[in-house]
């Protein structure tokens, strides 16, 4: 969680900053809302169909490769 806050805090200092990311307090509030609103949806889908978690730490290319491998594996399992 600290890594996520750190990344969002760094983004808040760029020209691409969105209004909901322009302060650490707003970032923390948004993450708390994510926990209460999104996590239950993820849990429900996990019960119904399964959910694959992808480690989002690393470079863009590293994360992309993890996502690609998970998608490819999913398609292979459909056969």
Protein backbone atom coordinates (compact mmCIF):
# COMPACT_ATOMS: atom_id res chain seq x y z
CA UNK A 1 0.00 0.00 0.00
CA UNK A 2 2.86 2.36 0.78
CA UNK A 3 4.24 1.87 -2.73
CA UNK A 4 0.87 2.81 -4.22
CA UNK A 5 0.57 5.95 -2.09
CA UNK A 6 4.14 6.88 -2.98
CA UNK A 7 3.48 6.47 -6.71
CA UNK A 8 0.25 8.46 -6.58
CA UNK A 9 1.92 11.13 -4.48
CA UNK A 10 4.64 11.46 -7.13
CA UNK A 11 1.99 11.67 -9.87
CA UNK A 12 0.31 14.48 -7.94
CA UNK A 13 3.38 16.59 -8.66
CA UNK A 14 3.14 16.19 -12.46
CA UNK A 15 1.16 17.97 -15.15
CA UNK A 16 -0.95 14.80 -15.55
CA UNK A 17 -2.34 15.13 -12.04
CA UNK A 18 -6.08 14.65 -11.73
CA UNK A 19 -8.08 16.68 -9.17
CA UNK A 20 -8.70 13.56 -7.08
CA UNK A 21 -4.95 12.90 -6.87
CA UNK A 22 -3.62 16.35 -6.01
CA UNK A 23 -3.00 15.70 -2.32
CA UNK A 24 -1.96 12.80 -0.13
CA UNK A 25 -5.16 13.14 1.91
CA UNK A 26 -7.29 12.77 -1.23
CA UNK A 27 -5.23 9.77 -2.35
CA UNK A 28 -5.70 8.04 1.01
CA UNK A 29 -9.44 8.77 0.94
CA UNK A 30 -9.73 7.34 -2.57
CA UNK A 31 -7.86 4.19 -1.53
CA UNK A 32 -10.17 3.79 1.47
CA UNK A 33 -13.19 4.08 -0.85
CA UNK A 34 -11.60 1.48 -3.10
CA UNK A 35 -11.40 -0.90 -0.14
CA UNK A 36 -15.06 -0.45 0.78
CA UNK A 37 -16.56 -0.33 -2.73
CA UNK A 38 -14.35 -2.29 -5.10
CA UNK A 39 -12.89 -5.06 -2.96
CA UNK A 40 -16.33 -6.62 -2.25
CA UNK A 41 -17.02 -6.72 -6.01
CA UNK A 42 -13.67 -8.42 -6.62
CA UNK A 43 -14.44 -10.95 -3.89
CA UNK A 44 -17.83 -11.74 -5.42
CA UNK A 45 -16.35 -12.26 -8.90
CA UNK A 46 -13.65 -14.42 -7.35
CA UNK A 47 -16.35 -16.65 -5.83
CA UNK A 48 -18.27 -16.88 -9.10
CA UNK A 49 -15.54 -17.12 -11.72
CA UNK A 50 -12.12 -16.72 -10.16
CA UNK A 51 -9.86 -13.70 -10.22
CA UNK A 52 -6.22 -13.54 -11.16
CA UNK A 53 -4.11 -11.08 -9.20
CA UNK A 54 -1.24 -9.41 -10.99
CA UNK A 55 1.72 -7.90 -9.14
CA UNK A 56 1.79 -4.27 -10.30
CA UNK A 57 5.23 -3.46 -8.96
CA UNK A 58 8.06 -3.09 -11.42
CA UNK A 59 8.58 -1.46 -14.76
CA UNK A 60 5.82 -1.06 -17.32
CA UNK A 61 7.33 -3.90 -19.37
CA UNK A 62 7.56 -6.25 -16.38
CA UNK A 63 3.93 -5.69 -15.41
CA UNK A 64 2.82 -5.97 -19.05
CA UNK A 65 4.57 -9.33 -19.33
CA UNK A 66 2.81 -10.60 -16.20
CA UNK A 67 -0.56 -9.49 -17.56
CA UNK A 68 0.16 -11.01 -20.97
CA UNK A 69 1.16 -14.33 -19.40
CA UNK A 70 -2.03 -14.43 -17.31
CA UNK A 71 -4.24 -13.66 -20.31
CA UNK A 72 -2.45 -16.24 -22.46
CA UNK A 73 -2.79 -18.85 -19.72
CA UNK A 74 -6.50 -18.06 -19.43
CA UNK A 75 -7.05 -18.61 -23.13
CA UNK A 76 -5.15 -21.91 -23.02
CA UNK A 77 -7.43 -23.07 -20.19
CA UNK A 78 -10.52 -22.44 -22.35
CA UNK A 79 -9.58 -25.24 -24.74
